[in-house]
Amino acid sequence: MAPTDTAAMLDVALGEARAGFAEGGIPIGAALFATDGTLLGSGHNRRVQDDDPSMHAETAAFKAAGRQRDYRKTIMVTTLSPCWYCSGLVRQFGIGAVLVGEARTFHGGHDWLAEHGVAITVLDDDRCASLMTDFITASPQLWNEDIGEPL
């Protein structure tokens, strides 16, 4: 994989997370990049805004990127460790790498992805963690709904 500017890529995903929060949604953002750093698509969790339980940040970014002939040379950048649903998307399409903003507030499927050959980098970014911590404190029921926990 070619060297890329991880900070700039995370900034795109973080901007999406902030946009989702400003819309009254869950502040998780994602972006799909080519290994040369070209942005293919970005998006944020829109479950609340669209009343669509399938519209997670990673799926929104994946959809925005459009059809790619090969995903092995792509990098999914997400502000939060991907849930099982989004981890399945990464595996199904063979996305080669995942850059995770933080896994403090939610430890999703990134270990499982690593076990299956996906290059995983967890940045432990304070901005991502603070955004999620503030959201979880303010909206615990919505957060539990999003991660499939009892209300």
N, C-alpha and C. Protein backbone atom coordinates (compact mmCIF):
# COMPACT_ATOMS: atom_id res chain seq x y z
N MET A 1 0.84 -1.17 0.00
CA MET A 1 0.00 0.00 0.00
C MET A 1 0.88 1.24 0.00
N ALA A 2 0.54 2.19 -0.84
CA ALA A 2 1.31 3.43 -0.93
C ALA A 2 1.10 4.26 0.32
N PRO A 3 2.11 5.05 0.70
CA PRO A 3 1.93 5.91 1.87
C PRO A 3 0.82 6.94 1.63
N THR A 4 0.05 7.19 2.63
CA THR A 4 -1.04 8.16 2.51
C THR A 4 -1.04 9.07 3.73
N ASP A 5 -1.71 10.17 3.61
CA ASP A 5 -1.81 11.12 4.70
C ASP A 5 -3.01 10.74 5.57
N THR A 6 -2.77 9.93 6.59
CA THR A 6 -3.86 9.42 7.42
C THR A 6 -4.60 10.55 8.14
N ALA A 7 -3.89 11.60 8.53
CA ALA A 7 -4.55 12.70 9.23
C ALA A 7 -5.56 13.39 8.31
N ALA A 8 -5.19 13.62 7.08
CA ALA A 8 -6.10 14.27 6.13
C ALA A 8 -7.28 13.37 5.82
N MET A 9 -7.04 12.07 5.72
CA MET A 9 -8.14 11.15 5.44
C MET A 9 -9.10 11.10 6.63
N LEU A 10 -8.57 11.06 7.84
CA LEU A 10 -9.43 11.05 9.02
C LEU A 10 -10.22 12.35 9.11
N ASP A 11 -9.63 13.46 8.72
CA ASP A 11 -10.34 14.73 8.74
C ASP A 11 -11.60 14.70 7.88
N VAL A 12 -11.55 14.00 6.75
CA VAL A 12 -12.74 13.88 5.90
C VAL A 12 -13.84 13.13 6.65
N ALA A 13 -13.48 11.99 7.25
CA ALA A 13 -14.46 11.21 8.00
C ALA A 13 -14.99 11.99 9.20
N LEU A 14 -14.12 12.70 9.89
CA LEU A 14 -14.54 13.48 11.05
C LEU A 14 -15.48 14.60 10.63
N GLY A 15 -15.22 15.22 9.50
CA GLY A 15 -16.14 16.24 8.98
C GLY A 15 -17.52 15.67 8.72
N GLU A 16 -17.56 14.44 8.20
CA GLU A 16 -18.84 13.77 7.98
C GLU A 16 -19.54 13.49 9.31
N ALA A 17 -18.78 13.03 10.31
CA ALA A 17 -19.37 12.76 11.63
C ALA A 17 -19.99 14.02 12.22
N ARG A 18 -19.28 15.11 12.10
CA ARG A 18 -19.80 16.38 12.63
C ARG A 18 -21.05 16.83 11.87
N ALA A 19 -21.07 16.60 10.57
CA ALA A 19 -22.26 16.93 9.77
C ALA A 19 -23.46 16.12 10.23
N GLY A 20 -23.25 14.83 10.48
CA GLY A 20 -24.33 13.98 10.96
C GLY A 20 -24.86 14.44 12.30
N PHE A 21 -23.96 14.83 13.18
CA PHE A 21 -24.35 15.33 14.50
C PHE A 21 -25.16 16.61 14.36
N ALA A 22 -24.72 17.52 13.48
CA ALA A 22 -25.43 18.78 13.25
C ALA A 22 -26.83 18.56 12.70
N GLU A 23 -27.04 17.44 12.01
CA GLU A 23 -28.35 17.10 11.46
C GLU A 23 -29.24 16.39 12.48
N GLY A 24 -28.73 16.17 13.69
CA GLY A 24 -29.49 15.47 14.71
C GLY A 24 -29.30 13.97 14.69
N GLY A 25 -28.29 13.52 13.96
CA GLY A 25 -28.03 12.09 13.85
C GLY A 25 -26.89 11.62 14.73
N ILE A 26 -26.47 10.41 14.48
CA ILE A 26 -25.40 9.78 15.23
C ILE A 26 -24.06 10.19 14.62
N PRO A 27 -23.14 10.73 15.39
CA PRO A 27 -21.92 11.33 14.83
C PRO A 27 -20.83 10.32 14.48
N ILE A 28 -21.09 9.56 13.44
CA ILE A 28 -20.09 8.63 12.91
C ILE A 28 -19.93 8.97 11.43
N GLY A 29 -18.68 9.14 11.01
CA GLY A 29 -18.40 9.46 9.61
C GLY A 29 -17.43 8.48 9.02
N ALA A 30 -17.44 8.38 7.70
CA ALA A 30 -16.54 7.46 7.00
C ALA A 30 -16.21 8.00 5.62
N ALA A 31 -15.13 7.49 5.07
CA ALA A 31 -14.73 7.84 3.71
C ALA A 31 -13.98 6.66 3.10
N LEU A 32 -14.17 6.46 1.83
CA LEU A 32 -13.45 5.41 1.11
C LEU A 32 -12.45 6.08 0.19
N PHE A 33 -11.20 5.67 0.32
CA PHE A 33 -10.10 6.25 -0.45
C PHE A 33 -9.41 5.18 -1.28
N ALA A 34 -8.83 5.59 -2.39
CA ALA A 34 -7.88 4.75 -3.12
C ALA A 34 -6.57 4.81 -2.35
N THR A 35 -5.68 3.86 -2.56
CA THR A 35 -4.42 3.84 -1.81
C THR A 35 -3.54 5.04 -2.13
N ASP A 36 -3.77 5.73 -3.25
CA ASP A 36 -2.98 6.93 -3.54
C ASP A 36 -3.54 8.16 -2.85
N GLY A 37 -4.61 7.98 -2.04
CA GLY A 37 -5.19 9.09 -1.30
C GLY A 37 -6.37 9.76 -2.00
N THR A 38 -6.73 9.29 -3.17
CA THR A 38 -7.88 9.85 -3.88
C THR A 38 -9.18 9.49 -3.15
N LEU A 39 -9.97 10.51 -2.84
CA LEU A 39 -11.26 10.28 -2.19
C LEU A 39 -12.24 9.71 -3.21
N LEU A 40 -12.79 8.55 -2.90
CA LEU A 40 -13.77 7.91 -3.77
C LEU A 40 -15.20 8.25 -3.35
N GLY A 41 -15.42 8.37 -2.05
CA GLY A 41 -16.74 8.72 -1.54
C GLY A 41 -16.71 8.87 -0.03
N SER A 42 -17.61 9.67 0.49
CA SER A 42 -17.69 9.83 1.95
C SER A 42 -19.15 9.93 2.35
N GLY A 43 -19.40 9.73 3.64
CA GLY A 43 -20.76 9.80 4.14
C GLY A 43 -20.79 9.69 5.65
N HIS A 44 -21.97 9.83 6.20
CA HIS A 44 -22.12 9.72 7.64
C HIS A 44 -23.36 8.90 7.97
N ASN A 45 -23.42 8.45 9.21
CA ASN A 45 -24.55 7.68 9.69
C ASN A 45 -25.81 8.51 9.49
N ARG A 46 -26.79 7.95 8.78
CA ARG A 46 -28.04 8.65 8.47
C ARG A 46 -29.26 7.85 8.92
N ARG A 47 -29.06 6.97 9.90
CA ARG A 47 -30.16 6.13 10.37
C ARG A 47 -31.33 6.97 10.86
N VAL A 48 -31.05 8.02 11.61
CA VAL A 48 -32.09 8.88 12.16
C VAL A 48 -32.69 9.77 11.07
N GLN A 49 -31.84 10.45 10.34
CA GLN A 49 -32.29 11.41 9.34
C GLN A 49 -33.14 10.76 8.24
N ASP A 50 -32.74 9.56 7.79
CA ASP A 50 -33.44 8.89 6.69
C ASP A 50 -34.43 7.83 7.17
N ASP A 51 -34.49 7.61 8.48
CA ASP A 51 -35.33 6.54 9.04
C ASP A 51 -34.98 5.22 8.35
N ASP A 52 -33.67 5.00 8.19
CA ASP A 52 -33.16 3.84 7.45
C ASP A 52 -32.09 3.16 8.31
N PRO A 53 -32.41 2.01 8.90
CA PRO A 53 -31.46 1.35 9.80
C PRO A 53 -30.20 0.84 9.10
N SER A 54 -30.21 0.77 7.77
CA SER A 54 -29.04 0.27 7.06
C SER A 54 -28.04 1.37 6.69
N MET A 55 -28.39 2.63 6.93
CA MET A 55 -27.52 3.71 6.47
C MET A 55 -26.49 4.12 7.53
N HIS A 56 -25.53 3.23 7.73
CA HIS A 56 -24.40 3.51 8.60
C HIS A 56 -23.38 4.35 7.82
N ALA A 57 -22.43 4.94 8.51
CA ALA A 57 -21.45 5.80 7.87
C ALA A 57 -20.66 5.06 6.78
N GLU A 58 -20.23 3.85 7.10
CA GLU A 58 -19.43 3.10 6.12
C GLU A 58 -20.25 2.75 4.89
N THR A 59 -21.52 2.39 5.08
CA THR A 59 -22.35 2.07 3.92
C THR A 59 -22.64 3.32 3.10
N ALA A 60 -22.78 4.46 3.77
CA ALA A 60 -23.00 5.72 3.05
C ALA A 60 -21.77 6.08 2.21
N ALA A 61 -20.59 5.92 2.78
CA ALA A 61 -19.35 6.21 2.04
C ALA A 61 -19.18 5.24 0.87
N PHE A 62 -19.47 3.97 1.13
CA PHE A 62 -19.37 2.93 0.11
C PHE A 62 -20.31 3.24 -1.05
N LYS A 63 -21.53 3.60 -0.73
CA LYS A 63 -22.52 3.94 -1.75
C LYS A 63 -22.10 5.19 -2.54
N ALA A 64 -21.61 6.20 -1.84
CA ALA A 64 -21.18 7.43 -2.50
C ALA A 64 -20.00 7.20 -3.44
N ALA A 65 -19.18 6.21 -3.13
CA ALA A 65 -18.01 5.91 -3.98
C ALA A 65 -18.42 5.30 -5.31
N GLY A 66 -19.61 4.73 -5.37
CA GLY A 66 -20.03 4.09 -6.61
C GLY A 66 -19.29 2.78 -6.82
N ARG A 67 -19.65 2.13 -7.87
CA ARG A 67 -19.09 0.81 -8.18
C ARG A 67 -17.60 0.93 -8.52
N GLN A 68 -16.81 0.08 -7.86
CA GLN A 68 -15.37 -0.01 -8.14
C GLN A 68 -15.11 -1.42 -8.68
N ARG A 69 -14.17 -1.53 -9.57
CA ARG A 69 -13.86 -2.85 -10.13
C ARG A 69 -13.13 -3.74 -9.12
N ASP A 70 -12.38 -3.12 -8.21
CA ASP A 70 -11.60 -3.87 -7.23
C ASP A 70 -11.47 -3.03 -5.97
N TYR A 71 -11.84 -3.61 -4.85
CA TYR A 71 -11.78 -2.87 -3.58
C TYR A 71 -10.54 -3.20 -2.77
N ARG A 72 -9.74 -4.15 -3.22
CA ARG A 72 -8.56 -4.54 -2.43
C ARG A 72 -7.58 -3.40 -2.23
N LYS A 73 -7.56 -2.48 -3.16
CA LYS A 73 -6.65 -1.34 -3.06
C LYS A 73 -7.39 -0.08 -2.60
N THR A 74 -8.33 -0.28 -1.68
CA THR A 74 -9.03 0.86 -1.10
C THR A 74 -8.86 0.85 0.41
N ILE A 75 -9.09 2.01 1.00
CA ILE A 75 -8.97 2.19 2.44
C ILE A 75 -10.28 2.78 2.95
N MET A 76 -10.92 2.08 3.87
CA MET A 76 -12.12 2.62 4.51
C MET A 76 -11.66 3.34 5.77
N VAL A 77 -11.97 4.61 5.85
CA VAL A 77 -11.62 5.41 7.01
C VAL A 77 -12.91 5.70 7.76
N THR A 78 -12.92 5.38 9.04
CA THR A 78 -14.13 5.56 9.84
C THR A 78 -13.76 6.15 11.20
N THR A 79 -14.63 7.00 11.70
CA THR A 79 -14.32 7.65 12.98
C THR A 79 -14.46 6.70 14.17
N LEU A 80 -15.15 5.58 13.96
CA LEU A 80 -15.41 4.64 15.04
C LEU A 80 -15.20 3.22 14.54
N SER A 81 -14.74 2.35 15.40
CA SER A 81 -14.56 0.95 15.03
C SER A 81 -15.83 0.43 14.37
N PRO A 82 -15.72 -0.20 13.22
CA PRO A 82 -16.92 -0.62 12.49
C PRO A 82 -17.70 -1.73 13.20
N CYS A 83 -19.02 -1.58 13.19
CA CYS A 83 -19.89 -2.61 13.77
C CYS A 83 -19.78 -3.87 12.92
N TRP A 84 -20.49 -4.93 13.33
CA TRP A 84 -20.45 -6.19 12.58
C TRP A 84 -21.02 -6.03 11.19
N TYR A 85 -22.06 -5.24 11.06
CA TYR A 85 -22.68 -4.99 9.76
C TYR A 85 -21.66 -4.36 8.80
N CYS A 86 -21.00 -3.32 9.26
CA CYS A 86 -20.03 -2.63 8.40
C CYS A 86 -18.75 -3.44 8.22
N SER A 87 -18.39 -4.21 9.23
CA SER A 87 -17.25 -5.12 9.09
C SER A 87 -17.55 -6.16 8.01
N GLY A 88 -18.79 -6.61 7.95
CA GLY A 88 -19.19 -7.55 6.91
C GLY A 88 -19.07 -6.94 5.53
N LEU A 89 -19.41 -5.67 5.39
CA LEU A 89 -19.26 -4.98 4.12
C LEU A 89 -17.79 -4.97 3.68
N VAL A 90 -16.91 -4.67 4.62
CA VAL A 90 -15.47 -4.65 4.32
C VAL A 90 -15.01 -6.02 3.83
N ARG A 91 -15.44 -7.08 4.51
CA ARG A 91 -15.06 -8.45 4.12
C ARG A 91 -15.71 -8.86 2.80
N GLN A 92 -16.99 -8.57 2.65
CA GLN A 92 -17.71 -8.98 1.44
C GLN A 92 -17.04 -8.43 0.18
N PHE A 93 -16.60 -7.20 0.22
CA PHE A 93 -16.06 -6.57 -0.98
C PHE A 93 -14.53 -6.53 -0.99
N GLY A 94 -13.90 -7.07 0.03
CA GLY A 94 -12.45 -7.19 0.03
C GLY A 94 -11.70 -5.88 0.18
N ILE A 95 -12.29 -4.94 0.90
CA ILE A 95 -11.59 -3.68 1.15
C ILE A 95 -10.29 -4.01 1.88
N GLY A 96 -9.18 -3.48 1.38
CA GLY A 96 -7.86 -3.90 1.84
C GLY A 96 -7.41 -3.36 3.19
N ALA A 97 -7.91 -2.19 3.56
CA ALA A 97 -7.45 -1.57 4.80
C ALA A 97 -8.58 -0.76 5.44
N VAL A 98 -8.54 -0.69 6.76
CA VAL A 98 -9.48 0.14 7.52
C VAL A 98 -8.67 0.98 8.48
N LEU A 99 -8.92 2.26 8.45
CA LEU A 99 -8.31 3.22 9.35
C LEU A 99 -9.41 3.65 10.33
N VAL A 100 -9.21 3.35 11.62
CA VAL A 100 -10.23 3.58 12.65
C VAL A 100 -9.84 4.79 13.48
N GLY A 101 -10.74 5.76 13.57
CA GLY A 101 -10.48 6.95 14.39
C GLY A 101 -10.32 6.62 15.86
N GLU A 102 -11.24 5.81 16.38
CA GLU A 102 -11.16 5.41 17.79
C GLU A 102 -11.99 4.16 18.04
N ALA A 103 -11.57 3.42 19.07
CA ALA A 103 -12.29 2.22 19.49
C ALA A 103 -12.52 2.21 20.99
N ARG A 104 -12.39 3.37 21.63
CA ARG A 104 -12.62 3.46 23.08
C ARG A 104 -14.09 3.34 23.42
N THR A 105 -14.92 4.04 22.67
CA THR A 105 -16.34 4.08 23.01
C THR A 105 -17.11 2.89 22.45
N PHE A 106 -16.54 2.23 21.45
CA PHE A 106 -17.17 1.05 20.85
C PHE A 106 -16.10 0.22 20.18
N HIS A 107 -15.99 -1.02 20.61
CA HIS A 107 -15.00 -1.93 20.02
C HIS A 107 -15.76 -2.86 19.08
N GLY A 108 -15.78 -2.50 17.82
CA GLY A 108 -16.53 -3.26 16.83
C GLY A 108 -15.74 -4.46 16.31
N GLY A 109 -15.82 -4.67 15.01
CA GLY A 109 -15.26 -5.86 14.39
C GLY A 109 -13.86 -5.71 13.83
N HIS A 110 -13.12 -4.70 14.24
CA HIS A 110 -11.81 -4.50 13.60
C HIS A 110 -10.81 -5.62 13.92
N ASP A 111 -10.88 -6.24 15.08
CA ASP A 111 -9.99 -7.38 15.36
C ASP A 111 -10.29 -8.55 14.43
N TRP A 112 -11.57 -8.81 14.23
CA TRP A 112 -12.00 -9.87 13.33
C TRP A 112 -11.52 -9.60 11.90
N LEU A 113 -11.63 -8.35 11.48
CA LEU A 113 -11.14 -7.99 10.15
C LEU A 113 -9.65 -8.24 10.03
N ALA A 114 -8.90 -7.87 11.06
CA ALA A 114 -7.45 -8.10 11.04
C ALA A 114 -7.13 -9.59 10.95
N GLU A 115 -7.89 -10.40 11.66
CA GLU A 115 -7.70 -11.86 11.61
C GLU A 115 -7.94 -12.42 10.21
N HIS A 116 -8.68 -11.69 9.40
CA HIS A 116 -9.00 -12.12 8.05
C HIS A 116 -8.22 -11.33 6.99
N GLY A 117 -7.10 -10.76 7.38
CA GLY A 117 -6.18 -10.18 6.42
C GLY A 117 -6.37 -8.72 6.06
N VAL A 118 -7.30 -8.04 6.70
CA VAL A 118 -7.49 -6.62 6.44
C VAL A 118 -6.48 -5.83 7.29
N ALA A 119 -5.78 -4.91 6.65
CA ALA A 119 -4.84 -4.07 7.38
C ALA A 119 -5.63 -3.07 8.23
N ILE A 120 -5.44 -3.13 9.54
CA ILE A 120 -6.18 -2.28 10.48
C ILE A 120 -5.22 -1.32 11.17
N THR A 121 -5.60 -0.05 11.20
CA THR A 121 -4.86 0.95 11.97
C THR A 121 -5.86 1.66 12.87
N VAL A 122 -5.65 1.59 14.18
CA VAL A 122 -6.50 2.31 15.13
C VAL A 122 -5.70 3.54 15.59
N LEU A 123 -6.22 4.72 15.29
CA LEU A 123 -5.51 5.96 15.59
C LEU A 123 -5.72 6.46 17.01
N ASP A 124 -6.79 6.05 17.67
CA ASP A 124 -7.12 6.52 19.02
C ASP A 124 -7.14 8.04 19.07
N ASP A 125 -7.88 8.63 18.16
CA ASP A 125 -7.95 10.08 18.00
C ASP A 125 -8.88 10.68 19.07
N ASP A 126 -8.36 11.63 19.82
CA ASP A 126 -9.14 12.26 20.90
C ASP A 126 -10.38 12.98 20.39
N ARG A 127 -10.31 13.59 19.20
CA ARG A 127 -11.47 14.31 18.65
C ARG A 127 -12.62 13.35 18.38
N CYS A 128 -12.31 12.21 17.81
CA CYS A 128 -13.34 11.20 17.53
C CYS A 128 -13.93 10.66 18.83
N ALA A 129 -13.07 10.37 19.79
CA ALA A 129 -13.54 9.83 21.07
C ALA A 129 -14.40 10.85 21.81
N SER A 130 -14.00 12.10 21.82
CA SER A 130 -14.77 13.15 22.51
C SER A 130 -16.14 13.34 21.88
N LEU A 131 -16.18 13.33 20.55
CA LEU A 131 -17.45 13.49 19.85
C LEU A 131 -18.42 12.37 20.24
N MET A 132 -17.93 11.13 20.27
CA MET A 132 -18.79 10.01 20.62
C MET A 132 -19.15 10.01 22.10
N THR A 133 -18.20 10.31 22.97
CA THR A 133 -18.47 10.35 24.41
C THR A 133 -19.55 11.38 24.72
N ASP A 134 -19.44 12.56 24.12
CA ASP A 134 -20.44 13.60 24.34
C ASP A 134 -21.81 13.15 23.83
N PHE A 135 -21.83 12.52 22.66
CA PHE A 135 -23.09 12.05 22.10
C PHE A 135 -23.72 10.96 22.98
N ILE A 136 -22.92 9.99 23.39
CA ILE A 136 -23.44 8.88 24.21
C ILE A 136 -24.01 9.41 25.52
N THR A 137 -23.34 10.38 26.13
CA THR A 137 -23.82 10.98 27.37
C THR A 137 -25.15 11.70 27.15
N ALA A 138 -25.26 12.42 26.03
CA ALA A 138 -26.47 13.20 25.76
C ALA A 138 -27.63 12.34 25.23
N SER A 139 -27.32 11.25 24.53
CA SER A 139 -28.37 10.46 23.87
C SER A 139 -28.15 8.96 24.06
N PRO A 140 -28.16 8.48 25.31
CA PRO A 140 -27.86 7.07 25.53
C PRO A 140 -28.86 6.11 24.87
N GLN A 141 -30.13 6.48 24.82
CA GLN A 141 -31.12 5.58 24.21
C GLN A 141 -30.89 5.46 22.71
N LEU A 142 -30.61 6.57 22.06
CA LEU A 142 -30.34 6.54 20.62
C LEU A 142 -29.06 5.75 20.33
N TRP A 143 -28.06 5.92 21.17
CA TRP A 143 -26.82 5.17 21.00
C TRP A 143 -27.07 3.68 21.16
N ASN A 144 -27.79 3.28 22.20
CA ASN A 144 -28.09 1.87 22.41
C ASN A 144 -28.89 1.29 21.25
N GLU A 145 -29.82 2.05 20.71
CA GLU A 145 -30.56 1.62 19.53
C GLU A 145 -29.60 1.37 18.37
N ASP A 146 -28.64 2.28 18.18
CA ASP A 146 -27.72 2.16 17.05
C ASP A 146 -26.84 0.94 17.15
N ILE A 147 -26.42 0.58 18.34
CA ILE A 147 -25.51 -0.57 18.48
C ILE A 147 -26.25 -1.86 18.84
N GLY A 148 -27.58 -1.80 18.85
CA GLY A 148 -28.36 -3.01 19.07
C GLY A 148 -28.43 -3.46 20.51
N GLU A 149 -28.23 -2.54 21.43
CA GLU A 149 -28.33 -2.87 22.86
C GLU A 149 -29.75 -2.60 23.33
N PRO A 150 -30.18 -3.27 24.40
CA PRO A 150 -31.53 -3.01 24.93
C PRO A 150 -31.69 -1.55 25.37
N LEU A 151 -32.87 -1.03 25.17
CA LEU A 151 -33.13 0.37 25.52
C LEU A 151 -33.41 0.52 27.00
